[in-house]
PDB file of N, CA and C in Angstrom:
ATOM      1  N   MET A   1     191.570   3.557 261.480  1.00  0.00           N
ATOM      2  CA  MET A   1     192.152   3.149 260.224  1.00  0.00           C
ATOM      3  C   MET A   1     192.878   4.365 259.638  1.00  0.00           C
ATOM      4  N   PRO A   2     194.091   4.155 259.151  1.00  0.00           N
ATOM      5  CA  PRO A   2     194.802   5.261 258.504  1.00  0.00           C
ATOM      6  C   PRO A   2     193.993   5.804 257.330  1.00  0.00           C
ATOM      7  N   GLU A   3     194.012   7.113 257.162  1.00  0.00           N
ATOM      8  CA  GLU A   3     193.210   7.754 256.123  1.00  0.00           C
ATOM      9  C   GLU A   3     193.556   7.235 254.730  1.00  0.00           C
ATOM     10  N   GLU A   4     194.830   7.017 254.462  1.00  0.00           N
ATOM     11  CA  GLU A   4     195.239   6.516 253.143  1.00  0.00           C
ATOM     12  C   GLU A   4     194.642   5.137 252.869  1.00  0.00           C
ATOM     13  N   ALA A   5     194.645   4.275 253.873  1.00  0.00           N
ATOM     14  CA  ALA A   5     194.068   2.938 253.713  1.00  0.00           C
ATOM     15  C   ALA A   5     192.569   3.032 253.471  1.00  0.00           C
ATOM     16  N   ARG A   6     191.888   3.906 254.218  1.00  0.00           N
ATOM     17  CA  ARG A   6     190.442   4.088 254.042  1.00  0.00           C
ATOM     18  C   ARG A   6     190.135   4.584 252.625  1.00  0.00           C
ATOM     19  N   GLU A   7     190.902   5.549 252.140  1.00  0.00           N
ATOM     20  CA  GLU A   7     190.672   6.082 250.793  1.00  0.00           C
ATOM     21  C   GLU A   7     190.869   5.000 249.736  1.00  0.00           C
ATOM     22  N   HIS A   8     191.905   4.207 249.897  1.00  0.00           N
ATOM     23  CA  HIS A   8     192.172   3.135 248.935  1.00  0.00           C
ATOM     24  C   HIS A   8     191.042   2.103 248.960  1.00  0.00           C
ATOM     25  N   LEU A   9     190.609   1.755 250.151  1.00  0.00           N
ATOM     26  CA  LEU A   9     189.536   0.776 250.280  1.00  0.00           C
ATOM     27  C   LEU A   9     188.230   1.317 249.697  1.00  0.00           C
ATOM     28  N   GLU A  10     187.965   2.595 249.887  1.00  0.00           N
ATOM     29  CA  GLU A  10     186.762   3.196 249.303  1.00  0.00           C
ATOM     30  C   GLU A  10     186.827   3.212 247.778  1.00  0.00           C
ATOM     31  N   GLU A  11     188.019   3.422 247.227  1.00  0.00           N
ATOM     32  CA  GLU A  11     188.187   3.373 245.779  1.00  0.00           C
ATOM     33  C   GLU A  11     187.909   1.963 245.255  1.00  0.00           C
ATOM     34  N   VAL A  12     188.452   0.969 245.931  1.00  0.00           N
ATOM     35  CA  VAL A  12     188.214  -0.424 245.535  1.00  0.00           C
ATOM     36  C   VAL A  12     186.726  -0.744 245.653  1.00  0.00           C
ATOM     37  N   ARG A  13     186.098  -0.266 246.727  1.00  0.00           N
ATOM     38  CA  ARG A  13     184.670  -0.506 246.911  1.00  0.00           C
ATOM     39  C   ARG A  13     183.880   0.060 245.725  1.00  0.00           C
ATOM     40  N   GLY A  14     184.228   1.251 245.288  1.00  0.00           N
ATOM     41  CA  GLY A  14     183.543   1.842 244.141  1.00  0.00           C
ATOM     42  C   GLY A  14     183.684   1.001 242.889  1.00  0.00           C
ATOM     43  N   ARG A  15     184.876   0.492 242.668  1.00  0.00           N
ATOM     44  CA  ARG A  15     185.106  -0.353 241.489  1.00  0.00           C
ATOM     45  C   ARG A  15     184.309  -1.653 241.588  1.00  0.00           C
ATOM     46  N   LEU A  16     184.221  -2.192 242.789  1.00  0.00           N
ATOM     47  CA  LEU A  16     183.436  -3.413 242.985  1.00  0.00           C
ATOM     48  C   LEU A  16     181.949  -3.152 242.731  1.00  0.00           C
ATOM     49  N   HIS A  17     181.458  -2.031 243.216  1.00  0.00           N
ATOM     50  CA  HIS A  17     180.052  -1.701 242.997  1.00  0.00           C
ATOM     51  C   HIS A  17     179.767  -1.503 241.507  1.00  0.00           C
ATOM     52  N   GLU A  18     180.711  -0.942 240.766  1.00  0.00           N
ATOM     53  CA  GLU A  18     180.546  -0.800 239.314  1.00  0.00           C
ATOM     54  C   GLU A  18     180.434  -2.169 238.652  1.00  0.00           C
ATOM     55  N   ALA A  19     181.315  -3.086 239.046  1.00  0.00           N
ATOM     56  CA  ALA A  19     181.270  -4.433 238.473  1.00  0.00           C
ATOM     57  C   ALA A  19     179.962  -5.129 238.858  1.00  0.00           C
ATOM     58  N   ALA A  20     179.502  -4.908 240.080  1.00  0.00           N
ATOM     59  CA  ALA A  20     178.237  -5.506 240.523  1.00  0.00           C
ATOM     60  C   ALA A  20     177.064  -4.954 239.724  1.00  0.00           C
ATOM     61  N   ALA A  21     177.115  -3.661 239.417  1.00  0.00           N
ATOM     62  CA  ALA A  21     176.046  -3.040 238.625  1.00  0.00           C
ATOM     63  C   ALA A  21     175.987  -3.625 237.220  1.00  0.00           C
ATOM     64  N   ASP A  22     177.115  -4.148 236.750  1.00  0.00           N
ATOM     65  CA  ASP A  22     177.164  -4.791 235.438  1.00  0.00           C
ATOM     66  C   ASP A  22     176.732  -6.253 235.510  1.00  0.00           C
ATOM     67  N   GLY A  23     176.272  -6.689 236.689  1.00  0.00           N
ATOM     68  CA  GLY A  23     175.737  -8.042 236.829  1.00  0.00           C
ATOM     69  C   GLY A  23     176.681  -9.058 237.427  1.00  0.00           C
ATOM     70  N   ASP A  24     177.827  -8.648 237.925  1.00  0.00           N
ATOM     71  CA  ASP A  24     178.778  -9.590 238.508  1.00  0.00           C
ATOM     72  C   ASP A  24     178.425  -9.831 239.988  1.00  0.00           C
ATOM     73  N   ASP A  25     177.836 -10.998 240.260  1.00  0.00           N
ATOM     74  CA  ASP A  25     177.414 -11.321 241.623  1.00  0.00           C
ATOM     75  C   ASP A  25     178.576 -11.418 242.599  1.00  0.00           C
ATOM     76  N   HIS A  26     179.708 -11.930 242.140  1.00  0.00           N
ATOM     77  CA  HIS A  26     180.880 -12.035 243.017  1.00  0.00           C
ATOM     78  C   HIS A  26     181.365 -10.644 243.426  1.00  0.00           C
ATOM     79  N   ALA A  27     181.323  -9.699 242.504  1.00  0.00           N
ATOM     80  CA  ALA A  27     181.723  -8.328 242.829  1.00  0.00           C
ATOM     81  C   ALA A  27     180.790  -7.740 243.867  1.00  0.00           C
ATOM     82  N   GLY A  28     179.506  -7.990 243.719  1.00  0.00           N
ATOM     83  CA  GLY A  28     178.540  -7.492 244.691  1.00  0.00           C
ATOM     84  C   GLY A  28     178.761  -8.064 246.067  1.00  0.00           C
ATOM     85  N   GLU A  29     179.069  -9.347 246.120  1.00  0.00           N
ATOM     86  CA  GLU A  29     179.330  -9.990 247.406  1.00  0.00           C
ATOM     87  C   GLU A  29     180.587  -9.416 248.055  1.00  0.00           C
ATOM     88  N   LEU A  30     181.635  -9.246 247.269  1.00  0.00           N
ATOM     89  CA  LEU A  30     182.877  -8.688 247.805  1.00  0.00           C
ATOM     90  C   LEU A  30     182.674  -7.231 248.224  1.00  0.00           C
ATOM     91  N   ALA A  31     181.887  -6.481 247.452  1.00  0.00           N
ATOM     92  CA  ALA A  31     181.579  -5.097 247.821  1.00  0.00           C
ATOM     93  C   ALA A  31     180.852  -5.053 249.161  1.00  0.00           C
ATOM     94  N   ASP A  32     179.960  -6.003 249.397  1.00  0.00           N
ATOM     95  CA  ASP A  32     179.266  -6.076 250.684  1.00  0.00           C
ATOM     96  C   ASP A  32     180.257  -6.293 251.825  1.00  0.00           C
ATOM     97  N   HIS A  33     181.252  -7.139 251.606  1.00  0.00           N
ATOM     98  CA  HIS A  33     182.270  -7.376 252.634  1.00  0.00           C
ATOM     99  C   HIS A  33     183.089  -6.112 252.901  1.00  0.00           C
ATOM    100  N   VAL A  34     183.427  -5.394 251.832  1.00  0.00           N
ATOM    101  CA  VAL A  34     184.174  -4.144 251.993  1.00  0.00           C
ATOM    102  C   VAL A  34     183.313  -3.124 252.743  1.00  0.00           C
ATOM    103  N   ASP A  35     182.033  -3.039 252.392  1.00  0.00           N
ATOM    104  CA  ASP A  35     181.123  -2.134 253.109  1.00  0.00           C
ATOM    105  C   ASP A  35     181.086  -2.473 254.593  1.00  0.00           C
ATOM    106  N   ALA A  36     181.011  -3.767 254.905  1.00  0.00           N
ATOM    107  CA  ALA A  36     180.978  -4.190 256.304  1.00  0.00           C
ATOM    108  C   ALA A  36     182.277  -3.824 257.013  1.00  0.00           C
ATOM    109  N   PHE A  37     183.386  -4.008 256.331  1.00  0.00           N
ATOM    110  CA  PHE A  37     184.675  -3.671 256.935  1.00  0.00           C
ATOM    111  C   PHE A  37     184.760  -2.182 257.205  1.00  0.00           C
ATOM    112  N   LEU A  38     184.378  -1.374 256.229  1.00  0.00           N
ATOM    113  CA  LEU A  38     184.432   0.079 256.412  1.00  0.00           C
ATOM    114  C   LEU A  38     183.472   0.524 257.508  1.00  0.00           C
ATOM    115  N   GLY A  39     182.334  -0.115 257.604  1.00  0.00           N
ATOM    116  CA  GLY A  39     181.373   0.242 258.625  1.00  0.00           C
ATOM    117  C   GLY A  39     181.829  -0.117 260.027  1.00  0.00           C
ATOM    118  N   ALA A  40     182.641  -1.158 260.153  1.00  0.00           N
ATOM    119  CA  ALA A  40     183.088  -1.617 261.464  1.00  0.00           C
ATOM    120  C   ALA A  40     184.515  -1.199 261.788  1.00  0.00           C
ATOM    121  N   ALA A  41     185.190  -0.557 260.865  1.00  0.00           N
ATOM    122  CA  ALA A  41     186.618  -0.291 261.037  1.00  0.00           C
ATOM    123  C   ALA A  41     186.925   0.800 262.057  1.00  0.00           C
ATOM    124  N   GLU A  42     185.937   1.537 262.520  1.00  0.00           N
ATOM    125  CA  GLU A  42     186.211   2.608 263.471  1.00  0.00           C
ATOM    126  C   GLU A  42     186.769   2.067 264.781  1.00  0.00           C
ATOM    127  N   ALA A  43     186.143   1.034 265.324  1.00  0.00           N
ATOM    128  CA  ALA A  43     186.621   0.477 266.587  1.00  0.00           C
ATOM    129  C   ALA A  43     186.253  -0.997 266.692  1.00  0.00           C
ATOM    130  N   PRO A  44     186.702  -1.803 265.738  1.00  0.00           N
ATOM    131  CA  PRO A  44     186.335  -3.218 265.808  1.00  0.00           C
ATOM    132  C   PRO A  44     187.118  -3.939 266.903  1.00  0.00           C
ATOM    133  N   THR A  45     186.466  -4.941 267.487  1.00  0.00           N
ATOM    134  CA  THR A  45     187.204  -5.809 268.403  1.00  0.00           C
ATOM    135  C   THR A  45     188.140  -6.659 267.559  1.00  0.00           C
ATOM    136  N   THR A  46     189.065  -7.299 268.197  1.00  0.00           N
ATOM    137  CA  THR A  46     189.989  -8.179 267.473  1.00  0.00           C
ATOM    138  C   THR A  46     189.219  -9.262 266.742  1.00  0.00           C
ATOM    139  N   GLU A  47     188.224  -9.822 267.391  1.00  0.00           N
ATOM    140  CA  GLU A  47     187.433 -10.892 266.779  1.00  0.00           C
ATOM    141  C   GLU A  47     186.656 -10.371 265.569  1.00  0.00           C
ATOM    142  N   GLU A  48     186.058  -9.176 265.687  1.00  0.00           N
ATOM    143  CA  GLU A  48     185.318  -8.597 264.567  1.00  0.00           C
ATOM    144  C   GLU A  48     186.244  -8.310 263.394  1.00  0.00           C
ATOM    145  N   ARG A  49     187.402  -7.732 263.695  1.00  0.00           N
ATOM    146  CA  ARG A  49     188.363  -7.422 262.641  1.00  0.00           C
ATOM    147  C   ARG A  49     188.813  -8.687 261.933  1.00  0.00           C
ATOM    148  N   ASP A  50     189.161  -9.713 262.706  1.00  0.00           N
ATOM    149  CA  ASP A  50     189.614 -10.957 262.106  1.00  0.00           C
ATOM    150  C   ASP A  50     188.527 -11.603 261.254  1.00  0.00           C
ATOM    151  N   ALA A  51     187.284 -11.553 261.725  1.00  0.00           N
ATOM    152  CA  ALA A  51     186.169 -12.134 260.970  1.00  0.00           C
ATOM    153  C   ALA A  51     185.949 -11.376 259.667  1.00  0.00           C
ATOM    154  N   LEU A  52     186.001 -10.058 259.732  1.00  0.00           N
ATOM    155  CA  LEU A  52     185.819  -9.255 258.523  1.00  0.00           C
ATOM    156  C   LEU A  52     186.942  -9.487 257.524  1.00  0.00           C
ATOM    157  N   LEU A  53     188.172  -9.534 258.007  1.00  0.00           N
ATOM    158  CA  LEU A  53     189.295  -9.783 257.104  1.00  0.00           C
ATOM    159  C   LEU A  53     189.180 -11.158 256.452  1.00  0.00           C
ATOM    160  N   GLU A  54     188.730 -12.152 257.211  1.00  0.00           N
ATOM    161  CA  GLU A  54     188.584 -13.486 256.636  1.00  0.00           C
ATOM    162  C   GLU A  54     187.493 -13.501 255.568  1.00  0.00           C
ATOM    163  N   ARG A  55     186.398 -12.781 255.783  1.00  0.00           N
ATOM    164  CA  ARG A  55     185.343 -12.692 254.762  1.00  0.00           C
ATOM    165  C   ARG A  55     185.883 -12.013 253.508  1.00  0.00           C
ATOM    166  N   LEU A  56     186.690 -10.980 253.678  1.00  0.00           N
ATOM    167  CA  LEU A  56     187.297 -10.320 252.520  1.00  0.00           C
ATOM    168  C   LEU A  56     188.225 -11.269 251.778  1.00  0.00           C
ATOM    169  N   ARG A  57     189.038 -12.002 252.516  1.00  0.00           N
ATOM    170  CA  ARG A  57     189.969 -12.954 251.873  1.00  0.00           C
ATOM    171  C   ARG A  57     189.206 -14.012 251.088  1.00  0.00           C
ATOM    172  N   GLU A  58     188.145 -14.551 251.678  1.00  0.00           N
ATOM    173  CA  GLU A  58     187.348 -15.569 250.994  1.00  0.00           C
ATOM    174  C   GLU A  58     186.713 -14.989 249.730  1.00  0.00           C
ATOM    175  N   GLY A  59     186.222 -13.763 249.826  1.00  0.00           N
ATOM    176  CA  GLY A  59     185.652 -13.118 248.650  1.00  0.00           C
ATOM    177  C   GLY A  59     186.668 -12.935 247.543  1.00  0.00           C
ATOM    178  N   VAL A  60     187.882 -12.564 247.915  1.00  0.00           N
ATOM    179  CA  VAL A  60     188.953 -12.394 246.923  1.00  0.00           C
ATOM    180  C   VAL A  60     189.260 -13.722 246.251  1.00  0.00           C
ATOM    181  N   ARG A  61     189.328 -14.792 247.012  1.00  0.00           N
ATOM    182  CA  ARG A  61     189.636 -16.110 246.423  1.00  0.00           C
ATOM    183  C   ARG A  61     188.590 -16.498 245.382  1.00  0.00           C
ATOM    184  N   ARG A  62     187.328 -16.226 245.656  1.00  0.00           N
ATOM    185  CA  ARG A  62     186.277 -16.590 244.700  1.00  0.00           C
ATOM    186  C   ARG A  62     186.203 -15.614 243.533  1.00  0.00           C
ATOM    187  N   PHE A  63     186.631 -14.386 243.736  1.00  0.00           N
ATOM    188  CA  PHE A  63     186.494 -13.317 242.755  1.00  0.00           C
ATOM    189  C   PHE A  63     187.663 -13.262 241.783  1.00  0.00           C
ATOM    190  N   GLU A  64     188.826 -13.759 242.190  1.00  0.00           N
ATOM    191  CA  GLU A  64     190.042 -13.510 241.432  1.00  0.00           C
ATOM    192  C   GLU A  64     190.082 -14.146 240.051  1.00  0.00           C
ATOM    193  N   ALA A  65     189.387 -15.218 239.814  1.00  0.00           N
ATOM    194  CA  ALA A  65     189.424 -15.842 238.488  1.00  0.00           C
ATOM    195  C   ALA A  65     188.823 -14.927 237.423  1.00  0.00           C
ATOM    196  N   ALA A  66     187.749 -14.235 237.774  1.00  0.00           N
ATOM    197  CA  ALA A  66     187.086 -13.362 236.801  1.00  0.00           C
ATOM    198  C   ALA A  66     187.703 -11.963 236.755  1.00  0.00           C
ATOM    199  N   HIS A  67     188.286 -11.513 237.857  1.00  0.00           N
ATOM    200  CA  HIS A  67     188.798 -10.143 237.953  1.00  0.00           C
ATOM    201  C   HIS A  67     190.153 -10.120 238.664  1.00  0.00           C
ATOM    202  N   PRO A  68     191.189 -10.625 238.023  1.00  0.00           N
ATOM    203  CA  PRO A  68     192.476 -10.733 238.713  1.00  0.00           C
ATOM    204  C   PRO A  68     193.079  -9.392 239.133  1.00  0.00           C
ATOM    205  N   THR A  69     192.925  -8.358 238.338  1.00  0.00           N
ATOM    206  CA  THR A  69     193.521  -7.062 238.679  1.00  0.00           C
ATOM    207  C   THR A  69     192.825  -6.453 239.889  1.00  0.00           C
ATOM    208  N   LEU A  70     191.510  -6.466 239.872  1.00  0.00           N
ATOM    209  CA  LEU A  70     190.756  -5.916 240.990  1.00  0.00           C
ATOM    210  C   LEU A  70     190.969  -6.749 242.249  1.00  0.00           C
ATOM    211  N   SER A  71     191.047  -8.051 242.103  1.00  0.00           N
ATOM    212  CA  SER A  71     191.315  -8.919 243.251  1.00  0.00           C
ATOM    213  C   SER A  71     192.671  -8.607 243.867  1.00  0.00           C
ATOM    214  N   ALA A  72     193.654  -8.353 243.026  1.00  0.00           N
ATOM    215  CA  ALA A  72     194.984  -8.000 243.534  1.00  0.00           C
ATOM    216  C   ALA A  72     194.936  -6.690 244.302  1.00  0.00           C
ATOM    217  N   ALA A  73     194.139  -5.740 243.831  1.00  0.00           N
ATOM    218  CA  ALA A  73     194.008  -4.465 244.543  1.00  0.00           C
ATOM    219  C   ALA A  73     193.371  -4.669 245.909  1.00  0.00           C
ATOM    220  N   VAL A  74     192.327  -5.483 245.964  1.00  0.00           N
ATOM    221  CA  VAL A  74     191.674  -5.764 247.251  1.00  0.00           C
ATOM    222  C   VAL A  74     192.640  -6.495 248.169  1.00  0.00           C
ATOM    223  N   GLN A  75     193.376  -7.459 247.641  1.00  0.00           N
ATOM    224  CA  GLN A  75     194.343  -8.184 248.466  1.00  0.00           C
ATOM    225  C   GLN A  75     195.413  -7.245 248.997  1.00  0.00           C
ATOM    226  N   GLY A  76     195.838  -6.289 248.188  1.00  0.00           N
ATOM    227  CA  GLY A  76     196.807  -5.298 248.649  1.00  0.00           C
ATOM    228  C   GLY A  76     196.271  -4.484 249.811  1.00  0.00           C
ATOM    229  N   VAL A  77     194.995  -4.109 249.751  1.00  0.00           N
ATOM    230  CA  VAL A  77     194.379  -3.378 250.858  1.00  0.00           C
ATOM    231  C   VAL A  77     194.336  -4.262 252.109  1.00  0.00           C
ATOM    232  N   ILE A  78     193.945  -5.508 251.944  1.00  0.00           N
ATOM    233  CA  ILE A  78     193.911  -6.426 253.084  1.00  0.00           C
ATOM    234  C   ILE A  78     195.289  -6.537 253.715  1.00  0.00           C
ATOM    235  N   ASP A  79     196.313  -6.715 252.898  1.00  0.00           N
ATOM    236  CA  ASP A  79     197.674  -6.836 253.403  1.00  0.00           C
ATOM    237  C   ASP A  79     198.106  -5.579 254.136  1.00  0.00           C
ATOM    238  N   SER A  80     197.760  -4.400 253.593  1.00  0.00           N
ATOM    239  CA  SER A  80     198.119  -3.128 254.246  1.00  0.00           C
ATOM    240  C   SER A  80     197.425  -2.979 255.589  1.00  0.00           C
ATOM    241  N   LEU A  81     196.140  -3.334 255.620  1.00  0.00           N
ATOM    242  CA  LEU A  81     195.394  -3.225 256.866  1.00  0.00           C
ATOM    243  C   LEU A  81     195.944  -4.183 257.924  1.00  0.00           C
ATOM    244  N   THR A  82     196.267  -5.376 257.502  1.00  0.00           N
ATOM    245  CA  THR A  82     196.809  -6.359 258.418  1.00  0.00           C
ATOM    246  C   THR A  82     198.157  -5.897 258.956  1.00  0.00           C
ATOM    247  N   ALA A  83     199.004  -5.363 258.095  1.00  0.00           N
ATOM    248  CA  ALA A  83     200.322  -4.896 258.504  1.00  0.00           C
ATOM    249  C   ALA A  83     200.247  -3.708 259.451  1.00  0.00           C
ATOM    250  N   SER A  84     199.192  -2.890 259.298  1.00  0.00           N
ATOM    251  CA  SER A  84     199.070  -1.720 260.170  1.00  0.00           C
ATOM    252  C   SER A  84     198.322  -2.034 261.458  1.00  0.00           C
ATOM    253  N   GLY A  85     197.947  -3.307 261.635  1.00  0.00           N
ATOM    254  CA  GLY A  85     197.305  -3.716 262.868  1.00  0.00           C
ATOM    255  C   GLY A  85     195.817  -3.474 262.911  1.00  0.00           C
ATOM    256  N   ILE A  86     195.225  -3.251 261.755  1.00  0.00           N
ATOM    257  CA  ILE A  86     193.781  -3.012 261.706  1.00  0.00           C
ATOM    258  C   ILE A  86     193.072  -4.291 261.396  1.00  0.00           C
TER     259      ILE A  86
END
C-alpha cells in the first residue's frame, strides 16, 4: 500500500475510534473494518482485498447518514486504494 494512502487511512481510523469512544456503534464497526484492511493490506489476495473493500463500502453506506463528512473521507480512501490497485 502506498505510504500516503496508509497514513490517510490511519488518520480516518483514529477519527472513527474517537466517534466510537463517544458511543457511536456504527463508527466502531467501520473502525473494525479499517483495522482489518490495514492488517491485511500488506499482501492480500485479490479475494481478500475485494472482501475487505466491500465491508468498508457497506460500513460507509450505513454510517453516512450520521457522519457524512467522515463517511466521505473513508469513501475517498476506498476510491484511492481501488484506483491504485490495492
